[in-house]
């Protein structure tokens, strides 16, 4: 195999995992997977989860518009997304269960923000 230098356009070919966190019970690892979009000149991210017991990986979001996420329980994640075209300068948040089903919009904040660092575990 012939070696060659990495060119700037090569970055468009490789997705980049980042922001890895474990679920409160330690059974899952969630992370964002970034894709550089050359046509839109932006970075797009999808949310994925890995079952640490089986090694099974799932893509949790159908669109690549996730901004940030946090675990709210061992089986639920809250994340910010632009999927419903929020008003300029606002942020929409969704909750998604690892047990299945669609993400549910739970909150819209009229500011650009990320998920809070501390969230109380659902009781």
PDB file of N, CA and C in Angstrom:
ATOM      1  N   UNK A   1       0.855  -1.182   0.000  1.00  0.00           N
ATOM      2  CA  UNK A   1       0.000   0.000   0.000  1.00  0.00           C
ATOM      3  C   UNK A   1       0.894   1.236   0.000  1.00  0.00           C
ATOM      4  N   UNK A   2       0.606   2.123  -0.900  1.00  0.00           N
ATOM      5  CA  UNK A   2       1.403   3.333  -1.032  1.00  0.00           C
ATOM      6  C   UNK A   2       0.957   4.380  -0.021  1.00  0.00           C
ATOM      7  N   UNK A   3       1.944   4.979   0.647  1.00  0.00           N
ATOM      8  CA  UNK A   3       1.646   6.039   1.612  1.00  0.00           C
ATOM      9  C   UNK A   3       1.440   7.348   0.873  1.00  0.00           C
ATOM     10  N   UNK A   4       0.562   8.183   1.423  1.00  0.00           N
ATOM     11  CA  UNK A   4       0.361   9.527   0.876  1.00  0.00           C
ATOM     12  C   UNK A   4       0.026  10.469   2.018  1.00  0.00           C
ATOM     13  N   UNK A   5       0.224  11.724   1.776  1.00  0.00           N
ATOM     14  CA  UNK A   5      -0.099  12.729   2.786  1.00  0.00           C
ATOM     15  C   UNK A   5      -1.608  12.920   2.872  1.00  0.00           C
ATOM     16  N   UNK A   6      -2.047  13.238   4.077  1.00  0.00           N
ATOM     17  CA  UNK A   6      -3.457  13.555   4.263  1.00  0.00           C
ATOM     18  C   UNK A   6      -3.714  14.933   3.671  1.00  0.00           C
ATOM     19  N   UNK A   7      -4.765  15.000   2.884  1.00  0.00           N
ATOM     20  CA  UNK A   7      -5.176  16.255   2.252  1.00  0.00           C
ATOM     21  C   UNK A   7      -6.385  16.812   3.000  1.00  0.00           C
ATOM     22  N   UNK A   8      -6.594  18.128   2.958  1.00  0.00           N
ATOM     23  CA  UNK A   8      -7.746  18.710   3.668  1.00  0.00           C
ATOM     24  C   UNK A   8      -9.080  18.065   3.296  1.00  0.00           C
ATOM     25  N   UNK A   9      -9.284  17.717   2.044  1.00  0.00           N
ATOM     26  CA  UNK A   9     -10.551  17.105   1.620  1.00  0.00           C
ATOM     27  C   UNK A   9     -10.752  15.714   2.197  1.00  0.00           C
ATOM     28  N   UNK A  10      -9.694  15.080   2.679  1.00  0.00           N
ATOM     29  CA  UNK A  10      -9.820  13.758   3.298  1.00  0.00           C
ATOM     30  C   UNK A  10     -10.703  13.809   4.541  1.00  0.00           C
ATOM     31  N   UNK A  11     -10.751  14.947   5.211  1.00  0.00           N
ATOM     32  CA  UNK A  11     -11.550  15.073   6.427  1.00  0.00           C
ATOM     33  C   UNK A  11     -13.039  14.874   6.170  1.00  0.00           C
ATOM     34  N   UNK A  12     -13.487  15.099   4.938  1.00  0.00           N
ATOM     35  CA  UNK A  12     -14.897  14.904   4.608  1.00  0.00           C
ATOM     36  C   UNK A  12     -15.263  13.428   4.525  1.00  0.00           C
ATOM     37  N   UNK A  13     -14.274  12.561   4.465  1.00  0.00           N
ATOM     38  CA  UNK A  13     -14.509  11.125   4.312  1.00  0.00           C
ATOM     39  C   UNK A  13     -14.596  10.368   5.634  1.00  0.00           C
ATOM     40  N   UNK A  14     -14.178  11.000   6.739  1.00  0.00           N
ATOM     41  CA  UNK A  14     -14.093  10.288   8.006  1.00  0.00           C
ATOM     42  C   UNK A  14     -14.993  10.912   9.070  1.00  0.00           C
ATOM     43  N   UNK A  15     -16.005  10.166   9.543  1.00  0.00           N
ATOM     44  CA  UNK A  15     -16.803  10.675  10.666  1.00  0.00           C
ATOM     45  C   UNK A  15     -15.956  10.682  11.939  1.00  0.00           C
ATOM     46  N   UNK A  16     -16.260  11.598  12.821  1.00  0.00           N
ATOM     47  CA  UNK A  16     -15.455  11.785  14.027  1.00  0.00           C
ATOM     48  C   UNK A  16     -16.297  11.607  15.283  1.00  0.00           C
ATOM     49  N   UNK A  17     -16.059  10.565  16.095  1.00  0.00           N
ATOM     50  CA  UNK A  17     -16.800  10.416  17.350  1.00  0.00           C
ATOM     51  C   UNK A  17     -16.266  11.390  18.405  1.00  0.00           C
ATOM     52  N   UNK A  18     -17.162  11.940  19.228  1.00  0.00           N
ATOM     53  CA  UNK A  18     -16.738  12.833  20.311  1.00  0.00           C
ATOM     54  C   UNK A  18     -17.806  12.899  21.389  1.00  0.00           C
ATOM     55  N   UNK A  19     -17.487  13.495  22.514  1.00  0.00           N
ATOM     56  CA  UNK A  19     -18.382  13.712  23.646  1.00  0.00           C
ATOM     57  C   UNK A  19     -18.972  12.395  24.169  1.00  0.00           C
ATOM     58  N   UNK A  20     -18.101  11.459  24.505  1.00  0.00           N
ATOM     59  CA  UNK A  20     -18.528  10.139  24.988  1.00  0.00           C
ATOM     60  C   UNK A  20     -18.853  10.218  26.482  1.00  0.00           C
ATOM     61  N   UNK A  21     -20.031   9.695  26.862  1.00  0.00           N
ATOM     62  CA  UNK A  21     -20.409   9.613  28.279  1.00  0.00           C
ATOM     63  C   UNK A  21     -21.088   8.268  28.537  1.00  0.00           C
ATOM     64  N   UNK A  22     -20.981   7.780  29.762  1.00  0.00           N
ATOM     65  CA  UNK A  22     -21.629   6.522  30.149  1.00  0.00           C
ATOM     66  C   UNK A  22     -22.955   6.799  30.836  1.00  0.00           C
ATOM     67  N   UNK A  23     -23.884   5.884  30.661  1.00  0.00           N
ATOM     68  CA  UNK A  23     -25.172   5.977  31.346  1.00  0.00           C
ATOM     69  C   UNK A  23     -24.940   5.844  32.844  1.00  0.00           C
ATOM     70  N   UNK A  24     -25.861   6.348  33.664  1.00  0.00           N
ATOM     71  CA  UNK A  24     -25.684   6.265  35.124  1.00  0.00           C
ATOM     72  C   UNK A  24     -25.448   4.848  35.647  1.00  0.00           C
ATOM     73  N   UNK A  25     -26.021   3.829  34.994  1.00  0.00           N
ATOM     74  CA  UNK A  25     -25.813   2.450  35.441  1.00  0.00           C
ATOM     75  C   UNK A  25     -24.578   1.792  34.817  1.00  0.00           C
ATOM     76  N   UNK A  26     -23.891   2.510  33.926  1.00  0.00           N
ATOM     77  CA  UNK A  26     -22.672   1.996  33.314  1.00  0.00           C
ATOM     78  C   UNK A  26     -22.884   0.963  32.226  1.00  0.00           C
ATOM     79  N   UNK A  27     -24.125   0.759  31.772  1.00  0.00           N
ATOM     80  CA  UNK A  27     -24.397  -0.252  30.748  1.00  0.00           C
ATOM     81  C   UNK A  27     -24.222   0.257  29.321  1.00  0.00           C
ATOM     82  N   UNK A  28     -24.309   1.578  29.150  1.00  0.00           N
ATOM     83  CA  UNK A  28     -24.256   2.157  27.810  1.00  0.00           C
ATOM     84  C   UNK A  28     -23.239   3.295  27.740  1.00  0.00           C
ATOM     85  N   UNK A  29     -22.728   3.514  26.550  1.00  0.00           N
ATOM     86  CA  UNK A  29     -21.922   4.694  26.263  1.00  0.00           C
ATOM     87  C   UNK A  29     -22.617   5.433  25.118  1.00  0.00           C
ATOM     88  N   UNK A  30     -22.898   6.695  25.319  1.00  0.00           N
ATOM     89  CA  UNK A  30     -23.496   7.514  24.266  1.00  0.00           C
ATOM     90  C   UNK A  30     -22.423   8.462  23.757  1.00  0.00           C
ATOM     91  N   UNK A  31     -22.541   8.849  22.513  1.00  0.00           N
ATOM     92  CA  UNK A  31     -21.582   9.786  21.932  1.00  0.00           C
ATOM     93  C   UNK A  31     -22.174  10.433  20.696  1.00  0.00           C
ATOM     94  N   UNK A  32     -21.594  11.543  20.328  1.00  0.00           N
ATOM     95  CA  UNK A  32     -21.969  12.230  19.100  1.00  0.00           C
ATOM     96  C   UNK A  32     -21.000  11.800  18.011  1.00  0.00           C
ATOM     97  N   UNK A  33     -21.517  11.693  16.809  1.00  0.00           N
ATOM     98  CA  UNK A  33     -20.721  11.295  15.654  1.00  0.00           C
ATOM     99  C   UNK A  33     -20.817  12.447  14.671  1.00  0.00           C
ATOM    100  N   UNK A  34     -19.705  13.112  14.399  1.00  0.00           N
ATOM    101  CA  UNK A  34     -19.697  14.309  13.555  1.00  0.00           C
ATOM    102  C   UNK A  34     -19.345  13.969  12.113  1.00  0.00           C
ATOM    103  N   UNK A  35     -20.029  14.636  11.210  1.00  0.00           N
ATOM    104  CA  UNK A  35     -19.777  14.507   9.780  1.00  0.00           C
ATOM    105  C   UNK A  35     -19.565  15.911   9.218  1.00  0.00           C
ATOM    106  N   UNK A  36     -18.491  16.108   8.487  1.00  0.00           N
ATOM    107  CA  UNK A  36     -18.262  17.395   7.850  1.00  0.00           C
ATOM    108  C   UNK A  36     -19.028  17.414   6.535  1.00  0.00           C
ATOM    109  N   UNK A  37     -19.863  18.427   6.349  1.00  0.00           N
ATOM    110  CA  UNK A  37     -20.682  18.551   5.149  1.00  0.00           C
ATOM    111  C   UNK A  37     -20.063  19.625   4.265  1.00  0.00           C
ATOM    112  N   UNK A  38     -19.444  19.178   3.196  1.00  0.00           N
ATOM    113  CA  UNK A  38     -18.732  20.104   2.304  1.00  0.00           C
ATOM    114  C   UNK A  38     -19.697  21.051   1.592  1.00  0.00           C
ATOM    115  N   UNK A  39     -20.837  20.526   1.133  1.00  0.00           N
ATOM    116  CA  UNK A  39     -21.795  21.352   0.395  1.00  0.00           C
ATOM    117  C   UNK A  39     -22.378  22.468   1.254  1.00  0.00           C
ATOM    118  N   UNK A  40     -22.703  22.149   2.515  1.00  0.00           N
ATOM    119  CA  UNK A  40     -23.284  23.146   3.426  1.00  0.00           C
ATOM    120  C   UNK A  40     -22.224  23.900   4.213  1.00  0.00           C
ATOM    121  N   UNK A  41     -20.969  23.471   4.107  1.00  0.00           N
ATOM    122  CA  UNK A  41     -19.852  24.075   4.835  1.00  0.00           C
ATOM    123  C   UNK A  41     -20.143  24.121   6.336  1.00  0.00           C
ATOM    124  N   UNK A  42     -20.488  22.940   6.882  1.00  0.00           N
ATOM    125  CA  UNK A  42     -20.798  22.857   8.297  1.00  0.00           C
ATOM    126  C   UNK A  42     -20.466  21.469   8.831  1.00  0.00           C
ATOM    127  N   UNK A  43     -20.598  21.329  10.133  1.00  0.00           N
ATOM    128  CA  UNK A  43     -20.423  20.048  10.803  1.00  0.00           C
ATOM    129  C   UNK A  43     -21.793  19.592  11.289  1.00  0.00           C
ATOM    130  N   UNK A  44     -22.164  18.352  10.979  1.00  0.00           N
ATOM    131  CA  UNK A  44     -23.442  17.797  11.400  1.00  0.00           C
ATOM    132  C   UNK A  44     -23.179  16.635  12.350  1.00  0.00           C
ATOM    133  N   UNK A  45     -24.026  16.465  13.355  1.00  0.00           N
ATOM    134  CA  UNK A  45     -23.819  15.408  14.349  1.00  0.00           C
ATOM    135  C   UNK A  45     -25.061  14.571  14.555  1.00  0.00           C
ATOM    136  N   UNK A  46     -24.846  13.258  14.717  1.00  0.00           N
ATOM    137  CA  UNK A  46     -25.921  12.361  15.094  1.00  0.00           C
ATOM    138  C   UNK A  46     -25.574  11.730  16.433  1.00  0.00           C
ATOM    139  N   UNK A  47     -26.592  11.291  17.151  1.00  0.00           N
ATOM    140  CA  UNK A  47     -26.415  10.694  18.467  1.00  0.00           C
ATOM    141  C   UNK A  47     -26.416   9.177  18.331  1.00  0.00           C
ATOM    142  N   UNK A  48     -25.418   8.526  18.922  1.00  0.00           N
ATOM    143  CA  UNK A  48     -25.307   7.073  18.892  1.00  0.00           C
ATOM    144  C   UNK A  48     -25.131   6.548  20.308  1.00  0.00           C
ATOM    145  N   UNK A  49     -25.460   5.266  20.492  1.00  0.00           N
ATOM    146  CA  UNK A  49     -25.267   4.620  21.781  1.00  0.00           C
ATOM    147  C   UNK A  49     -24.676   3.236  21.543  1.00  0.00           C
ATOM    148  N   UNK A  50     -23.800   2.843  22.458  1.00  0.00           N
ATOM    149  CA  UNK A  50     -23.149   1.537  22.407  1.00  0.00           C
ATOM    150  C   UNK A  50     -23.492   0.782  23.677  1.00  0.00           C
ATOM    151  N   UNK A  51     -24.043  -0.432  23.541  1.00  0.00           N
ATOM    152  CA  UNK A  51     -24.305  -1.284  24.695  1.00  0.00           C
ATOM    153  C   UNK A  51     -22.969  -1.904  25.087  1.00  0.00           C
ATOM    154  N   UNK A  52     -22.501  -1.618  26.286  1.00  0.00           N
ATOM    155  CA  UNK A  52     -21.183  -2.087  26.708  1.00  0.00           C
ATOM    156  C   UNK A  52     -21.170  -3.580  27.025  1.00  0.00           C
ATOM    157  N   UNK A  53     -22.345  -4.175  27.235  1.00  0.00           N
ATOM    158  CA  UNK A  53     -22.422  -5.610  27.519  1.00  0.00           C
ATOM    159  C   UNK A  53     -22.362  -6.449  26.237  1.00  0.00           C
ATOM    160  N   UNK A  54     -23.019  -5.959  25.163  1.00  0.00           N
ATOM    161  CA  UNK A  54     -23.113  -6.744  23.928  1.00  0.00           C
ATOM    162  C   UNK A  54     -22.266  -6.205  22.784  1.00  0.00           C
ATOM    163  N   UNK A  55     -21.864  -4.947  22.882  1.00  0.00           N
ATOM    164  CA  UNK A  55     -21.116  -4.319  21.792  1.00  0.00           C
ATOM    165  C   UNK A  55     -22.003  -3.807  20.670  1.00  0.00           C
ATOM    166  N   UNK A  56     -23.331  -3.900  20.855  1.00  0.00           N
ATOM    167  CA  UNK A  56     -24.266  -3.432  19.837  1.00  0.00           C
ATOM    168  C   UNK A  56     -24.302  -1.903  19.816  1.00  0.00           C
ATOM    169  N   UNK A  57     -24.189  -1.330  18.622  1.00  0.00           N
ATOM    170  CA  UNK A  57     -24.241   0.121  18.448  1.00  0.00           C
ATOM    171  C   UNK A  57     -25.530   0.485  17.725  1.00  0.00           C
ATOM    172  N   UNK A  58     -26.169   1.586  18.182  1.00  0.00           N
ATOM    173  CA  UNK A  58     -27.385   2.089  17.542  1.00  0.00           C
ATOM    174  C   UNK A  58     -27.228   3.568  17.240  1.00  0.00           C
ATOM    175  N   UNK A  59     -27.727   3.965  16.093  1.00  0.00           N
ATOM    176  CA  UNK A  59     -27.863   5.384  15.779  1.00  0.00           C
ATOM    177  C   UNK A  59     -29.218   5.792  16.328  1.00  0.00           C
ATOM    178  N   UNK A  60     -29.244   6.752  17.250  1.00  0.00           N
ATOM    179  CA  UNK A  60     -30.488   7.132  17.917  1.00  0.00           C
ATOM    180  C   UNK A  60     -31.272   8.216  17.192  1.00  0.00           C
ATOM    181  N   UNK A  61     -30.600   9.034  16.412  1.00  0.00           N
ATOM    182  CA  UNK A  61     -31.280  10.140  15.743  1.00  0.00           C
ATOM    183  C   UNK A  61     -31.283   9.923  14.233  1.00  0.00           C
ATOM    184  N   UNK A  62     -32.428  10.173  13.613  1.00  0.00           N
ATOM    185  CA  UNK A  62     -32.564   9.977  12.170  1.00  0.00           C
ATOM    186  C   UNK A  62     -31.963  11.127  11.378  1.00  0.00           C
ATOM    187  N   UNK A  63     -31.779  12.250  12.022  1.00  0.00           N
ATOM    188  CA  UNK A  63     -31.204  13.412  11.353  1.00  0.00           C
ATOM    189  C   UNK A  63     -29.872  13.770  12.009  1.00  0.00           C
ATOM    190  N   UNK A  64     -29.064  14.485  11.289  1.00  0.00           N
ATOM    191  CA  UNK A  64     -27.729  14.863  11.787  1.00  0.00           C
ATOM    192  C   UNK A  64     -27.750  16.311  12.282  1.00  0.00           C
ATOM    193  N   UNK A  65     -28.603  16.571  13.268  1.00  0.00           N
ATOM    194  CA  UNK A  65     -28.770  17.944  13.751  1.00  0.00           C
ATOM    195  C   UNK A  65     -28.717  18.051  15.272  1.00  0.00           C
ATOM    196  N   UNK A  66     -28.022  17.120  15.917  1.00  0.00           N
ATOM    197  CA  UNK A  66     -27.921  17.123  17.377  1.00  0.00           C
ATOM    198  C   UNK A  66     -26.829  18.088  17.812  1.00  0.00           C
ATOM    199  N   UNK A  67     -27.151  18.925  18.796  1.00  0.00           N
ATOM    200  CA  UNK A  67     -26.177  19.883  19.288  1.00  0.00           C
ATOM    201  C   UNK A  67     -25.461  19.431  20.548  1.00  0.00           C
ATOM    202  N   UNK A  68     -26.197  18.912  21.510  1.00  0.00           N
ATOM    203  CA  UNK A  68     -25.636  18.464  22.792  1.00  0.00           C
ATOM    204  C   UNK A  68     -26.607  17.469  23.401  1.00  0.00           C
ATOM    205  N   UNK A  69     -26.122  16.678  24.350  1.00  0.00           N
ATOM    206  CA  UNK A  69     -26.997  15.704  25.009  1.00  0.00           C
ATOM    207  C   UNK A  69     -26.519  15.463  26.433  1.00  0.00           C
ATOM    208  N   UNK A  70     -27.402  14.885  27.253  1.00  0.00           N
ATOM    209  CA  UNK A  70     -27.082  14.440  28.616  1.00  0.00           C
ATOM    210  C   UNK A  70     -27.979  13.263  28.958  1.00  0.00           C
ATOM    211  N   UNK A  71     -27.466  12.374  29.778  1.00  0.00           N
ATOM    212  CA  UNK A  71     -28.284  11.287  30.321  1.00  0.00           C
ATOM    213  C   UNK A  71     -29.198  11.882  31.385  1.00  0.00           C
ATOM    214  N   UNK A  72     -30.486  11.489  31.395  1.00  0.00           N
ATOM    215  CA  UNK A  72     -31.384  11.900  32.482  1.00  0.00           C
ATOM    216  C   UNK A  72     -31.794  10.701  33.319  1.00  0.00           C
ATOM    217  N   UNK A  73     -31.531   9.511  32.829  1.00  0.00           N
ATOM    218  CA  UNK A  73     -31.701   8.266  33.582  1.00  0.00           C
ATOM    219  C   UNK A  73     -30.831   7.230  32.872  1.00  0.00           C
ATOM    220  N   UNK A  74     -30.860   6.013  33.327  1.00  0.00           N
ATOM    221  CA  UNK A  74     -30.035   4.977  32.695  1.00  0.00           C
ATOM    222  C   UNK A  74     -30.551   4.562  31.326  1.00  0.00           C
ATOM    223  N   UNK A  75     -31.778   4.979  30.978  1.00  0.00           N
ATOM    224  CA  UNK A  75     -32.335   4.609  29.677  1.00  0.00           C
ATOM    225  C   UNK A  75     -32.908   5.791  28.895  1.00  0.00           C
ATOM    226  N   UNK A  76     -32.707   7.024  29.376  1.00  0.00           N
ATOM    227  CA  UNK A  76     -33.232   8.193  28.678  1.00  0.00           C
ATOM    228  C   UNK A  76     -32.169   9.271  28.518  1.00  0.00           C
ATOM    229  N   UNK A  77     -32.229   9.918  27.361  1.00  0.00           N
ATOM    230  CA  UNK A  77     -31.288  10.984  27.028  1.00  0.00           C
ATOM    231  C   UNK A  77     -32.077  12.213  26.597  1.00  0.00           C
ATOM    232  N   UNK A  78     -31.632  13.392  27.042  1.00  0.00           N
ATOM    233  CA  UNK A  78     -32.187  14.651  26.543  1.00  0.00           C
ATOM    234  C   UNK A  78     -31.140  15.249  25.614  1.00  0.00           C
ATOM    235  N   UNK A  79     -31.608  15.810  24.491  1.00  0.00           N
ATOM    236  CA  UNK A  79     -30.670  16.390  23.534  1.00  0.00           C
ATOM    237  C   UNK A  79     -31.278  17.600  22.847  1.00  0.00           C
ATOM    238  N   UNK A  80     -30.416  18.488  22.387  1.00  0.00           N
ATOM    239  CA  UNK A  80     -30.874  19.639  21.617  1.00  0.00           C
ATOM    240  C   UNK A  80     -30.820  19.262  20.144  1.00  0.00           C
ATOM    241  N   UNK A  81     -31.761  19.822  19.383  1.00  0.00           N
ATOM    242  CA  UNK A  81     -31.841  19.489  17.971  1.00  0.00           C
ATOM    243  C   UNK A  81     -32.511  20.619  17.200  1.00  0.00           C
ATOM    244  N   UNK A  82     -32.184  20.703  15.918  1.00  0.00           N
ATOM    245  CA  UNK A  82     -32.815  21.677  15.025  1.00  0.00           C
ATOM    246  C   UNK A  82     -33.841  20.995  14.116  1.00  0.00           C
ATOM    247  N   UNK A  83     -34.277  19.789  14.472  1.00  0.00           N
ATOM    248  CA  UNK A  83     -35.135  18.986  13.591  1.00  0.00           C
ATOM    249  C   UNK A  83     -36.462  19.645  13.245  1.00  0.00           C
ATOM    250  N   UNK A  84     -37.019  20.456  14.116  1.00  0.00           N
ATOM    251  CA  UNK A  84     -38.315  21.085  13.824  1.00  0.00           C
ATOM    252  C   UNK A  84     -38.153  22.557  13.453  1.00  0.00           C
ATOM    253  N   UNK A  85     -36.962  22.910  12.957  1.00  0.00           N
ATOM    254  CA  UNK A  85     -36.674  24.287  12.538  1.00  0.00           C
ATOM    255  C   UNK A  85     -37.067  25.314  13.588  1.00  0.00           C
ATOM    256  N   UNK A  86     -36.367  25.307  14.735  1.00  0.00           N
ATOM    257  CA  UNK A  86     -36.702  26.273  15.790  1.00  0.00           C
ATOM    258  C   UNK A  86     -36.511  27.707  15.309  1.00  0.00           C
ATOM    259  N   UNK A  87     -37.180  28.615  15.963  1.00  0.00           N
ATOM    260  CA  UNK A  87     -37.047  30.034  15.630  1.00  0.00           C
ATOM    261  C   UNK A  87     -35.582  30.444  15.778  1.00  0.00           C
ATOM    262  N   UNK A  88     -35.133  31.374  14.956  1.00  0.00           N
ATOM    263  CA  UNK A  88     -33.741  31.848  15.097  1.00  0.00           C
ATOM    264  C   UNK A  88     -33.467  32.317  16.521  1.00  0.00           C
ATOM    265  N   UNK A  89     -32.337  31.890  17.064  1.00  0.00           N
ATOM    266  CA  UNK A  89     -31.958  32.284  18.410  1.00  0.00           C
ATOM    267  C   UNK A  89     -32.585  31.449  19.506  1.00  0.00           C
ATOM    268  N   UNK A  90     -33.271  30.352  19.165  1.00  0.00           N
ATOM    269  CA  UNK A  90     -33.875  29.498  20.189  1.00  0.00           C
ATOM    270  C   UNK A  90     -33.308  28.081  20.095  1.00  0.00           C
ATOM    271  N   UNK A  91     -33.575  27.275  21.129  1.00  0.00           N
ATOM    272  CA  UNK A  91     -33.081  25.908  21.199  1.00  0.00           C
ATOM    273  C   UNK A  91     -34.215  24.975  21.598  1.00  0.00           C
ATOM    274  N   UNK A  92     -34.397  23.895  20.836  1.00  0.00           N
ATOM    275  CA  UNK A  92     -35.401  22.882  21.144  1.00  0.00           C
ATOM    276  C   UNK A  92     -34.720  21.675  21.778  1.00  0.00           C
ATOM    277  N   UNK A  93     -35.387  21.082  22.786  1.00  0.00           N
ATOM    278  CA  UNK A  93     -34.866  19.901  23.479  1.00  0.00           C
ATOM    279  C   UNK A  93     -35.842  18.740  23.349  1.00  0.00           C
ATOM    280  N   UNK A  94     -35.288  17.543  23.210  1.00  0.00           N
ATOM    281  CA  UNK A  94     -36.053  16.312  23.029  1.00  0.00           C
ATOM    282  C   UNK A  94     -35.571  15.271  24.025  1.00  0.00           C
ATOM    283  N   UNK A  95     -36.483  14.366  24.410  1.00  0.00           N
ATOM    284  CA  UNK A  95     -36.119  13.216  25.244  1.00  0.00           C
ATOM    285  C   UNK A  95     -36.318  11.965  24.404  1.00  0.00           C
ATOM    286  N   UNK A  96     -35.363  11.052  24.517  1.00  0.00           N
ATOM    287  CA  UNK A  96     -35.398   9.809  23.764  1.00  0.00           C
ATOM    288  C   UNK A  96     -35.110   8.649  24.698  1.00  0.00           C
ATOM    289  N   UNK A  97     -35.920   7.607  24.598  1.00  0.00           N
ATOM    290  CA  UNK A  97     -35.726   6.403  25.405  1.00  0.00           C
ATOM    291  C   UNK A  97     -34.930   5.381  24.605  1.00  0.00           C
ATOM    292  N   UNK A  98     -33.983   4.728  25.249  1.00  0.00           N
ATOM    293  CA  UNK A  98     -33.231   3.657  24.598  1.00  0.00           C
ATOM    294  C   UNK A  98     -34.108   2.435  24.372  1.00  0.00           C
ATOM    295  N   UNK A  99     -35.243   2.387  25.030  1.00  0.00           N
ATOM    296  CA  UNK A  99     -36.150   1.251  24.907  1.00  0.00           C
ATOM    297  C   UNK A  99     -37.027   1.340  23.669  1.00  0.00           C
ATOM    298  N   UNK A 100     -36.887   2.420  22.887  1.00  0.00           N
ATOM    299  CA  UNK A 100     -37.628   2.556  21.641  1.00  0.00           C
ATOM    300  C   UNK A 100     -38.565   3.738  21.635  1.00  0.00           C
ATOM    301  N   UNK A 101     -39.134   3.978  20.468  1.00  0.00           N
ATOM    302  CA  UNK A 101     -40.061   5.082  20.303  1.00  0.00           C
ATOM    303  C   UNK A 101     -39.372   6.310  19.715  1.00  0.00           C
ATOM    304  N   UNK A 102     -40.195   7.270  19.393  1.00  0.00           N
ATOM    305  CA  UNK A 102     -39.708   8.517  18.808  1.00  0.00           C
ATOM    306  C   UNK A 102     -39.236   9.483  19.885  1.00  0.00           C
ATOM    307  N   UNK A 103     -38.340  10.365  19.501  1.00  0.00           N
ATOM    308  CA  UNK A 103     -37.929  11.445  20.399  1.00  0.00           C
ATOM    309  C   UNK A 103     -39.119  12.384  20.596  1.00  0.00           C
ATOM    310  N   UNK A 104     -39.310  12.853  21.830  1.00  0.00           N
ATOM    311  CA  UNK A 104     -40.420  13.745  22.149  1.00  0.00           C
ATOM    312  C   UNK A 104     -39.881  15.122  22.501  1.00  0.00           C
ATOM    313  N   UNK A 105     -40.415  16.132  21.822  1.00  0.00           N
ATOM    314  CA  UNK A 105     -40.025  17.503  22.141  1.00  0.00           C
ATOM    315  C   UNK A 105     -40.580  17.855  23.509  1.00  0.00           C
ATOM    316  N   UNK A 106     -39.699  18.327  24.404  1.00  0.00           N
ATOM    317  CA  UNK A 106     -40.133  18.628  25.764  1.00  0.00           C
ATOM    318  C   UNK A 106     -39.961  20.089  26.161  1.00  0.00           C
ATOM    319  N   UNK A 107     -39.155  20.819  25.400  1.00  0.00           N
ATOM    320  CA  UNK A 107     -38.835  22.181  25.831  1.00  0.00           C
ATOM    321  C   UNK A 107     -38.280  22.987  24.672  1.00  0.00           C
ATOM    322  N   UNK A 108     -38.650  24.247  24.618  1.00  0.00           N
ATOM    323  CA  UNK A 108     -38.067  25.191  23.674  1.00  0.00           C
ATOM    324  C   UNK A 108     -37.679  26.430  24.467  1.00  0.00           C
ATOM    325  N   UNK A 109     -36.434  26.825  24.371  1.00  0.00           N
ATOM    326  CA  UNK A 109     -35.921  27.983  25.107  1.00  0.00           C
ATOM    327  C   UNK A 109     -35.593  29.078  24.101  1.00  0.00           C
ATOM    328  N   UNK A 110     -36.049  30.307  24.337  1.00  0.00           N
ATOM    329  CA  UNK A 110     -35.811  31.378  23.373  1.00  0.00           C
ATOM    330  C   UNK A 110     -34.383  31.942  23.430  1.00  0.00           C
ATOM    331  N   UNK A 111     -33.426  31.084  23.568  1.00  0.00           N
ATOM    332  CA  UNK A 111     -32.003  31.438  23.591  1.00  0.00           C
ATOM    333  C   UNK A 111     -31.223  30.274  22.982  1.00  0.00           C
ATOM    334  N   UNK A 112     -30.062  30.551  22.460  1.00  0.00           N
ATOM    335  CA  UNK A 112     -29.177  29.493  22.001  1.00  0.00           C
ATOM    336  C   UNK A 112     -28.420  28.981  23.221  1.00  0.00           C
ATOM    337  N   UNK A 113     -28.549  27.692  23.518  1.00  0.00           N
ATOM    338  CA  UNK A 113     -27.924  27.145  24.714  1.00  0.00           C
ATOM    339  C   UNK A 113     -27.645  25.655  24.536  1.00  0.00           C
ATOM    340  N   UNK A 114     -26.969  25.074  25.523  1.00  0.00           N
ATOM    341  CA  UNK A 114     -26.717  23.639  25.532  1.00  0.00           C
ATOM    342  C   UNK A 114     -27.497  23.014  26.680  1.00  0.00           C
ATOM    343  N   UNK A 115     -27.399  21.701  26.804  1.00  0.00           N
ATOM    344  CA  UNK A 115     -28.065  20.989  27.889  1.00  0.00           C
ATOM    345  C   UNK A 115     -27.352  21.319  29.190  1.00  0.00           C
ATOM    346  N   UNK A 116     -28.088  21.581  30.282  1.00  0.00           N
ATOM    347  CA  UNK A 116     -27.441  21.877  31.567  1.00  0.00           C
ATOM    348  C   UNK A 116     -26.517  20.753  32.018  1.00  0.00           C
ATOM    349  N   UNK A 117     -25.479  21.093  32.730  1.00  0.00           N
ATOM    350  CA  UNK A 117     -24.505  20.111  33.202  1.00  0.00           C
ATOM    351  C   UNK A 117     -25.096  19.146  34.220  1.00  0.00           C
ATOM    352  N   UNK A 118     -25.930  19.620  35.122  1.00  0.00           N
ATOM    353  CA  UNK A 118     -26.504  18.767  36.159  1.00  0.00           C
ATOM    354  C   UNK A 118     -27.993  18.599  35.912  1.00  0.00           C
ATOM    355  N   UNK A 119     -28.426  17.357  35.766  1.00  0.00           N
ATOM    356  CA  UNK A 119     -29.833  17.049  35.662  1.00  0.00           C
ATOM    357  C   UNK A 119     -30.162  15.989  36.704  1.00  0.00           C
ATOM    358  N   UNK A 120     -31.260  16.186  37.402  1.00  0.00           N
ATOM    359  CA  UNK A 120     -31.679  15.213  38.417  1.00  0.00           C
ATOM    360  C   UNK A 120     -32.177  13.946  37.721  1.00  0.00           C
ATOM    361  N   UNK A 121     -31.789  12.800  38.231  1.00  0.00           N
ATOM    362  CA  UNK A 121     -32.256  11.542  37.664  1.00  0.00           C
ATOM    363  C   UNK A 121     -33.754  11.442  37.834  1.00  0.00           C
ATOM    364  N   UNK A 122     -34.396  10.965  36.789  1.00  0.00           N
ATOM    365  CA  UNK A 122     -35.849  10.808  36.809  1.00  0.00           C
ATOM    366  C   UNK A 122     -36.240   9.804  37.896  1.00  0.00           C
ATOM    367  N   UNK A 123     -37.272  10.136  38.653  1.00  0.00           N
ATOM    368  CA  UNK A 123     -37.709   9.239  39.737  1.00  0.00           C
ATOM    369  C   UNK A 123     -38.922   8.440  39.344  1.00  0.00           C
TER     370      UNK A 123
END
